[in-house]
Every structure is written in structure tokens, then in C-alpha cells.
Amino acid sequence: MNTDREAILSRVRGALTPLQQRAPLPDWDPELAKSRALLGDRDLFTVFAERIKLVNGLALTDPPNWCSG
């Protein structure tokens, strides 16, 4: 095998090898990860579509014409 290729693959394998001892998870309140006021009693897809637009995304609300059989 090519020496350069083997050197690169060896480094990749080394990077992918699991750590023997992982760092502990941060100590924080899990309640902070919940978006309480965001949903309320609204439709989940509506909230998703609004949020995806905020990052210049596009949520398809209707299937394109070519999808209908």
C-alpha cells in the first residue's frame, strides 16, 4: 500500500478510536434545554416552519406536483 495513503488512514483510524476515559458531562439544569413558551398549544410543523425560515431555510408545506401519482 502507498506509504502516504497508509499514513493518512492510520491517522484517521487513530482519531476514530474511542477514548479510554471520556470527560464528564457538564453540570447544568436539564430544564434549561426545554423550549416551554415556544410551542404552547401550536402545531409542531407550524413552529418548525417558522424556525427554519429564521435560518434562511424552506419548509415544504405542499408536495411538489411531480410527487402526486
PDB file of N, CA and C in Angstrom:
ATOM      1  N   MET A   1       0.842  -1.186   0.000  1.00  0.00           N
ATOM      2  CA  MET A   1       0.000   0.000   0.000  1.00  0.00           C
ATOM      3  C   MET A   1       0.883   1.244   0.000  1.00  0.00           C
ATOM      4  N   ASN A   2       0.401   2.294  -0.589  1.00  0.00           N
ATOM      5  CA  ASN A   2       1.119   3.556  -0.667  1.00  0.00           C
ATOM      6  C   ASN A   2       1.406   4.083   0.744  1.00  0.00           C
ATOM      7  N   THR A   3       2.637   4.512   0.970  1.00  0.00           N
ATOM      8  CA  THR A   3       3.020   4.978   2.313  1.00  0.00           C
ATOM      9  C   THR A   3       2.234   6.203   2.755  1.00  0.00           C
ATOM     10  N   ASP A   4       2.024   7.155   1.835  1.00  0.00           N
ATOM     11  CA  ASP A   4       1.258   8.360   2.182  1.00  0.00           C
ATOM     12  C   ASP A   4      -0.182   7.992   2.544  1.00  0.00           C
ATOM     13  N   ARG A   5      -0.743   7.110   1.727  1.00  0.00           N
ATOM     14  CA  ARG A   5      -2.124   6.688   1.987  1.00  0.00           C
ATOM     15  C   ARG A   5      -2.229   5.986   3.329  1.00  0.00           C
ATOM     16  N   GLU A   6      -1.295   5.113   3.612  1.00  0.00           N
ATOM     17  CA  GLU A   6      -1.303   4.375   4.879  1.00  0.00           C
ATOM     18  C   GLU A   6      -1.128   5.326   6.062  1.00  0.00           C
ATOM     19  N   ALA A   7      -0.302   6.339   5.902  1.00  0.00           N
ATOM     20  CA  ALA A   7      -0.094   7.317   6.976  1.00  0.00           C
ATOM     21  C   ALA A   7      -1.394   8.077   7.252  1.00  0.00           C
ATOM     22  N   ILE A   8      -2.095   8.467   6.187  1.00  0.00           N
ATOM     23  CA  ILE A   8      -3.357   9.204   6.354  1.00  0.00           C
ATOM     24  C   ILE A   8      -4.403   8.317   7.015  1.00  0.00           C
ATOM     25  N   LEU A   9      -4.556   7.093   6.508  1.00  0.00           N
ATOM     26  CA  LEU A   9      -5.544   6.179   7.082  1.00  0.00           C
ATOM     27  C   LEU A   9      -5.218   5.824   8.528  1.00  0.00           C
ATOM     28  N   SER A  10      -3.957   5.735   8.845  1.00  0.00           N
ATOM     29  CA  SER A  10      -3.554   5.461  10.228  1.00  0.00           C
ATOM     30  C   SER A  10      -3.979   6.597  11.149  1.00  0.00           C
ATOM     31  N   ARG A  11      -3.825   7.826  10.677  1.00  0.00           N
ATOM     32  CA  ARG A  11      -4.239   8.983  11.477  1.00  0.00           C
ATOM     33  C   ARG A  11      -5.757   9.018  11.643  1.00  0.00           C
ATOM     34  N   VAL A  12      -6.478   8.670  10.576  1.00  0.00           N
ATOM     35  CA  VAL A  12      -7.942   8.637  10.658  1.00  0.00           C
ATOM     36  C   VAL A  12      -8.377   7.569  11.655  1.00  0.00           C
ATOM     37  N   ARG A  13      -7.800   6.378  11.551  1.00  0.00           N
ATOM     38  CA  ARG A  13      -8.146   5.308  12.493  1.00  0.00           C
ATOM     39  C   ARG A  13      -7.856   5.735  13.938  1.00  0.00           C
ATOM     40  N   GLY A  14      -6.731   6.403  14.141  1.00  0.00           N
ATOM     41  CA  GLY A  14      -6.379   6.872  15.483  1.00  0.00           C
ATOM     42  C   GLY A  14      -7.376   7.891  16.008  1.00  0.00           C
ATOM     43  N   ALA A  15      -7.856   8.762  15.122  1.00  0.00           N
ATOM     44  CA  ALA A  15      -8.823   9.782  15.534  1.00  0.00           C
ATOM     45  C   ALA A  15     -10.177   9.170  15.845  1.00  0.00           C
ATOM     46  N   LEU A  16     -10.499   8.051  15.187  1.00  0.00           N
ATOM     47  CA  LEU A  16     -11.796   7.427  15.393  1.00  0.00           C
ATOM     48  C   LEU A  16     -11.811   6.421  16.534  1.00  0.00           C
ATOM     49  N   THR A  17     -10.665   6.099  17.057  1.00  0.00           N
ATOM     50  CA  THR A  17     -10.598   5.168  18.174  1.00  0.00           C
ATOM     51  C   THR A  17     -11.249   5.800  19.400  1.00  0.00           C
ATOM     52  N   PRO A  18     -12.158   5.086  20.049  1.00  0.00           N
ATOM     53  CA  PRO A  18     -12.817   5.658  21.232  1.00  0.00           C
ATOM     54  C   PRO A  18     -11.808   6.000  22.331  1.00  0.00           C
ATOM     55  N   LEU A  19     -12.105   7.049  23.027  1.00  0.00           N
ATOM     56  CA  LEU A  19     -11.258   7.453  24.154  1.00  0.00           C
ATOM     57  C   LEU A  19     -11.389   6.449  25.288  1.00  0.00           C
ATOM     58  N   GLN A  20     -10.308   6.223  25.992  1.00  0.00           N
ATOM     59  CA  GLN A  20     -10.336   5.320  27.134  1.00  0.00           C
ATOM     60  C   GLN A  20     -11.181   5.896  28.268  1.00  0.00           C
ATOM     61  N   GLN A  21     -11.028   7.196  28.483  1.00  0.00           N
ATOM     62  CA  GLN A  21     -11.783   7.852  29.549  1.00  0.00           C
ATOM     63  C   GLN A  21     -12.354   9.153  29.001  1.00  0.00           C
ATOM     64  N   ARG A  22     -13.650   9.260  29.021  1.00  0.00           N
ATOM     65  CA  ARG A  22     -14.303  10.450  28.475  1.00  0.00           C
ATOM     66  C   ARG A  22     -14.472  11.516  29.561  1.00  0.00           C
ATOM     67  N   ALA A  23     -14.533  12.740  29.136  1.00  0.00           N
ATOM     68  CA  ALA A  23     -14.774  13.844  30.058  1.00  0.00           C
ATOM     69  C   ALA A  23     -16.203  13.735  30.597  1.00  0.00           C
ATOM     70  N   PRO A  24     -16.412  14.109  31.857  1.00  0.00           N
ATOM     71  CA  PRO A  24     -17.772  14.039  32.413  1.00  0.00           C
ATOM     72  C   PRO A  24     -18.691  15.064  31.733  1.00  0.00           C
ATOM     73  N   LEU A  25     -19.968  14.767  31.711  1.00  0.00           N
ATOM     74  CA  LEU A  25     -20.942  15.701  31.165  1.00  0.00           C
ATOM     75  C   LEU A  25     -20.984  16.962  32.023  1.00  0.00           C
ATOM     76  N   PRO A  26     -21.269  18.114  31.424  1.00  0.00           N
ATOM     77  CA  PRO A  26     -21.329  19.348  32.213  1.00  0.00           C
ATOM     78  C   PRO A  26     -22.463  19.286  33.232  1.00  0.00           C
ATOM     79  N   ASP A  27     -22.263  19.979  34.331  1.00  0.00           N
ATOM     80  CA  ASP A  27     -23.259  20.016  35.389  1.00  0.00           C
ATOM     81  C   ASP A  27     -24.173  21.219  35.162  1.00  0.00           C
ATOM     82  N   TRP A  28     -25.331  20.979  34.557  1.00  0.00           N
ATOM     83  CA  TRP A  28     -26.287  22.046  34.288  1.00  0.00           C
ATOM     84  C   TRP A  28     -27.690  21.511  34.470  1.00  0.00           C
ATOM     85  N   ASP A  29     -28.612  22.427  34.643  1.00  0.00           N
ATOM     86  CA  ASP A  29     -30.006  22.072  34.891  1.00  0.00           C
ATOM     87  C   ASP A  29     -30.662  21.609  33.586  1.00  0.00           C
ATOM     88  N   PRO A  30     -31.129  20.366  33.496  1.00  0.00           N
ATOM     89  CA  PRO A  30     -31.738  19.878  32.259  1.00  0.00           C
ATOM     90  C   PRO A  30     -32.990  20.651  31.849  1.00  0.00           C
ATOM     91  N   GLU A  31     -33.616  21.353  32.754  1.00  0.00           N
ATOM     92  CA  GLU A  31     -34.802  22.151  32.419  1.00  0.00           C
ATOM     93  C   GLU A  31     -34.461  23.291  31.456  1.00  0.00           C
ATOM     94  N   LEU A  32     -33.194  23.683  31.385  1.00  0.00           N
ATOM     95  CA  LEU A  32     -32.793  24.777  30.503  1.00  0.00           C
ATOM     96  C   LEU A  32     -32.908  24.392  29.032  1.00  0.00           C
ATOM     97  N   ALA A  33     -32.924  23.119  28.733  1.00  0.00           N
ATOM     98  CA  ALA A  33     -32.950  22.654  27.340  1.00  0.00           C
ATOM     99  C   ALA A  33     -34.362  22.585  26.767  1.00  0.00           C
ATOM    100  N   LYS A  34     -35.360  22.892  27.540  1.00  0.00           N
ATOM    101  CA  LYS A  34     -36.735  22.805  27.065  1.00  0.00           C
ATOM    102  C   LYS A  34     -37.223  24.158  26.593  1.00  0.00           C
ATOM    103  N   SER A  35     -37.911  24.160  25.474  1.00  0.00           N
ATOM    104  CA  SER A  35     -38.460  25.409  24.942  1.00  0.00           C
ATOM    105  C   SER A  35     -39.933  25.493  25.324  1.00  0.00           C
ATOM    106  N   ARG A  36     -40.166  25.864  26.551  1.00  0.00           N
ATOM    107  CA  ARG A  36     -41.531  25.873  27.101  1.00  0.00           C
ATOM    108  C   ARG A  36     -42.470  26.797  26.344  1.00  0.00           C
ATOM    109  N   ALA A  37     -42.095  28.036  26.184  1.00  0.00           N
ATOM    110  CA  ALA A  37     -43.012  29.024  25.614  1.00  0.00           C
ATOM    111  C   ALA A  37     -43.068  28.942  24.090  1.00  0.00           C
ATOM    112  N   LEU A  38     -42.149  28.266  23.476  1.00  0.00           N
ATOM    113  CA  LEU A  38     -42.097  28.228  22.024  1.00  0.00           C
ATOM    114  C   LEU A  38     -43.294  27.510  21.429  1.00  0.00           C
ATOM    115  N   LEU A  39     -43.683  26.380  21.992  1.00  0.00           N
ATOM    116  CA  LEU A  39     -44.754  25.586  21.417  1.00  0.00           C
ATOM    117  C   LEU A  39     -46.134  26.021  21.865  1.00  0.00           C
ATOM    118  N   GLY A  40     -46.325  26.146  23.143  1.00  0.00           N
ATOM    119  CA  GLY A  40     -47.658  26.430  23.647  1.00  0.00           C
ATOM    120  C   GLY A  40     -48.595  25.324  23.196  1.00  0.00           C
ATOM    121  N   ASP A  41     -49.701  25.672  22.576  1.00  0.00           N
ATOM    122  CA  ASP A  41     -50.607  24.645  22.053  1.00  0.00           C
ATOM    123  C   ASP A  41     -50.636  24.702  20.529  1.00  0.00           C
ATOM    124  N   ARG A  42     -49.536  25.180  19.917  1.00  0.00           N
ATOM    125  CA  ARG A  42     -49.468  25.318  18.463  1.00  0.00           C
ATOM    126  C   ARG A  42     -49.042  24.019  17.796  1.00  0.00           C
ATOM    127  N   ASP A  43     -49.326  23.927  16.513  1.00  0.00           N
ATOM    128  CA  ASP A  43     -48.957  22.778  15.704  1.00  0.00           C
ATOM    129  C   ASP A  43     -47.429  22.681  15.603  1.00  0.00           C
ATOM    130  N   LEU A  44     -46.879  21.484  15.777  1.00  0.00           N
ATOM    131  CA  LEU A  44     -45.432  21.302  15.743  1.00  0.00           C
ATOM    132  C   LEU A  44     -44.825  21.695  14.398  1.00  0.00           C
ATOM    133  N   PHE A  45     -45.496  21.341  13.297  1.00  0.00           N
ATOM    134  CA  PHE A  45     -44.940  21.676  11.986  1.00  0.00           C
ATOM    135  C   PHE A  45     -44.945  23.180  11.745  1.00  0.00           C
ATOM    136  N   THR A  46     -45.951  23.873  12.219  1.00  0.00           N
ATOM    137  CA  THR A  46     -46.003  25.328  12.065  1.00  0.00           C
ATOM    138  C   THR A  46     -44.818  25.972  12.771  1.00  0.00           C
ATOM    139  N   VAL A  47     -44.539  25.524  13.977  1.00  0.00           N
ATOM    140  CA  VAL A  47     -43.391  26.051  14.726  1.00  0.00           C
ATOM    141  C   VAL A  47     -42.099  25.713  13.984  1.00  0.00           C
ATOM    142  N   PHE A  48     -41.990  24.480  13.489  1.00  0.00           N
ATOM    143  CA  PHE A  48     -40.803  24.081  12.731  1.00  0.00           C
ATOM    144  C   PHE A  48     -40.612  24.987  11.514  1.00  0.00           C
ATOM    145  N   ALA A  49     -41.680  25.215  10.754  1.00  0.00           N
ATOM    146  CA  ALA A  49     -41.591  26.045   9.547  1.00  0.00           C
ATOM    147  C   ALA A  49     -41.154  27.464   9.894  1.00  0.00           C
ATOM    148  N   GLU A  50     -41.666  28.022  10.969  1.00  0.00           N
ATOM    149  CA  GLU A  50     -41.264  29.367  11.401  1.00  0.00           C
ATOM    150  C   GLU A  50     -39.791  29.405  11.773  1.00  0.00           C
ATOM    151  N   ARG A  51     -39.359  28.402  12.520  1.00  0.00           N
ATOM    152  CA  ARG A  51     -37.971  28.373  12.981  1.00  0.00           C
ATOM    153  C   ARG A  51     -36.992  28.141  11.834  1.00  0.00           C
ATOM    154  N   ILE A  52     -37.371  27.301  10.876  1.00  0.00           N
ATOM    155  CA  ILE A  52     -36.480  27.018   9.755  1.00  0.00           C
ATOM    156  C   ILE A  52     -36.337  28.248   8.860  1.00  0.00           C
ATOM    157  N   LYS A  53     -37.381  29.075   8.763  1.00  0.00           N
ATOM    158  CA  LYS A  53     -37.294  30.318   7.982  1.00  0.00           C
ATOM    159  C   LYS A  53     -36.322  31.302   8.621  1.00  0.00           C
ATOM    160  N   LEU A  54     -36.194  31.265   9.946  1.00  0.00           N
ATOM    161  CA  LEU A  54     -35.286  32.181  10.646  1.00  0.00           C
ATOM    162  C   LEU A  54     -33.827  31.941  10.286  1.00  0.00           C
ATOM    163  N   VAL A  55     -33.512  30.747   9.793  1.00  0.00           N
ATOM    164  CA  VAL A  55     -32.138  30.437   9.388  1.00  0.00           C
ATOM    165  C   VAL A  55     -32.052  30.283   7.872  1.00  0.00           C
ATOM    166  N   ASN A  56     -32.952  30.996   7.180  1.00  0.00           N
ATOM    167  CA  ASN A  56     -32.995  31.017   5.714  1.00  0.00           C
ATOM    168  C   ASN A  56     -33.277  29.647   5.107  1.00  0.00           C
ATOM    169  N   GLY A  57     -34.024  28.818   5.817  1.00  0.00           N
ATOM    170  CA  GLY A  57     -34.424  27.525   5.291  1.00  0.00           C
ATOM    171  C   GLY A  57     -35.811  27.592   4.683  1.00  0.00           C
ATOM    172  N   LEU A  58     -36.232  26.488   4.122  1.00  0.00           N
ATOM    173  CA  LEU A  58     -37.531  26.424   3.478  1.00  0.00           C
ATOM    174  C   LEU A  58     -38.209  25.126   3.893  1.00  0.00           C
ATOM    175  N   ALA A  59     -39.347  25.238   4.500  1.00  0.00           N
ATOM    176  CA  ALA A  59     -40.139  24.066   4.868  1.00  0.00           C
ATOM    177  C   ALA A  59     -41.215  23.882   3.812  1.00  0.00           C
ATOM    178  N   LEU A  60     -41.215  22.745   3.156  1.00  0.00           N
ATOM    179  CA  LEU A  60     -42.198  22.492   2.112  1.00  0.00           C
ATOM    180  C   LEU A  60     -43.525  22.133   2.760  1.00  0.00           C
ATOM    181  N   THR A  61     -44.518  22.970   2.529  1.00  0.00           N
ATOM    182  CA  THR A  61     -45.825  22.729   3.137  1.00  0.00           C
ATOM    183  C   THR A  61     -46.728  21.904   2.238  1.00  0.00           C
ATOM    184  N   ASP A  62     -46.480  21.930   0.938  1.00  0.00           N
ATOM    185  CA  ASP A  62     -47.247  21.134  -0.020  1.00  0.00           C
ATOM    186  C   ASP A  62     -46.271  20.306  -0.857  1.00  0.00           C
ATOM    187  N   PRO A  63     -46.623  19.067  -1.170  1.00  0.00           N
ATOM    188  CA  PRO A  63     -45.718  18.272  -2.013  1.00  0.00           C
ATOM    189  C   PRO A  63     -45.669  18.858  -3.419  1.00  0.00           C
ATOM    190  N   PRO A  64     -44.511  18.766  -4.082  1.00  0.00           N
ATOM    191  CA  PRO A  64     -44.420  19.267  -5.456  1.00  0.00           C
ATOM    192  C   PRO A  64     -45.327  18.459  -6.386  1.00  0.00           C
ATOM    193  N   ASN A  65     -45.660  19.027  -7.526  1.00  0.00           N
ATOM    194  CA  ASN A  65     -46.573  18.380  -8.479  1.00  0.00           C
ATOM    195  C   ASN A  65     -46.091  17.008  -8.912  1.00  0.00           C
ATOM    196  N   TRP A  66     -44.794  16.824  -9.052  1.00  0.00           N
ATOM    197  CA  TRP A  66     -44.286  15.560  -9.551  1.00  0.00           C
ATOM    198  C   TRP A  66     -44.433  14.443  -8.520  1.00  0.00           C
ATOM    199  N   CYS A  67     -44.751  14.769  -7.265  1.00  0.00           N
ATOM    200  CA  CYS A  67     -44.925  13.737  -6.236  1.00  0.00           C
ATOM    201  C   CYS A  67     -46.290  13.048  -6.343  1.00  0.00           C
ATOM    202  N   SER A  68     -47.265  13.724  -6.890  1.00  0.00           N
ATOM    203  CA  SER A  68     -48.592  13.107  -6.957  1.00  0.00           C
ATOM    204  C   SER A  68     -48.637  12.142  -8.134  1.00  0.00           C
ATOM    205  N   GLY A  69     -49.051  10.927  -7.852  1.00  0.00           N
ATOM    206  CA  GLY A  69     -49.038   9.832  -8.807  1.00  0.00           C
ATOM    207  C   GLY A  69     -49.881  10.092  -9.959  1.00  0.00           C
TER     208      GLY A  69
END
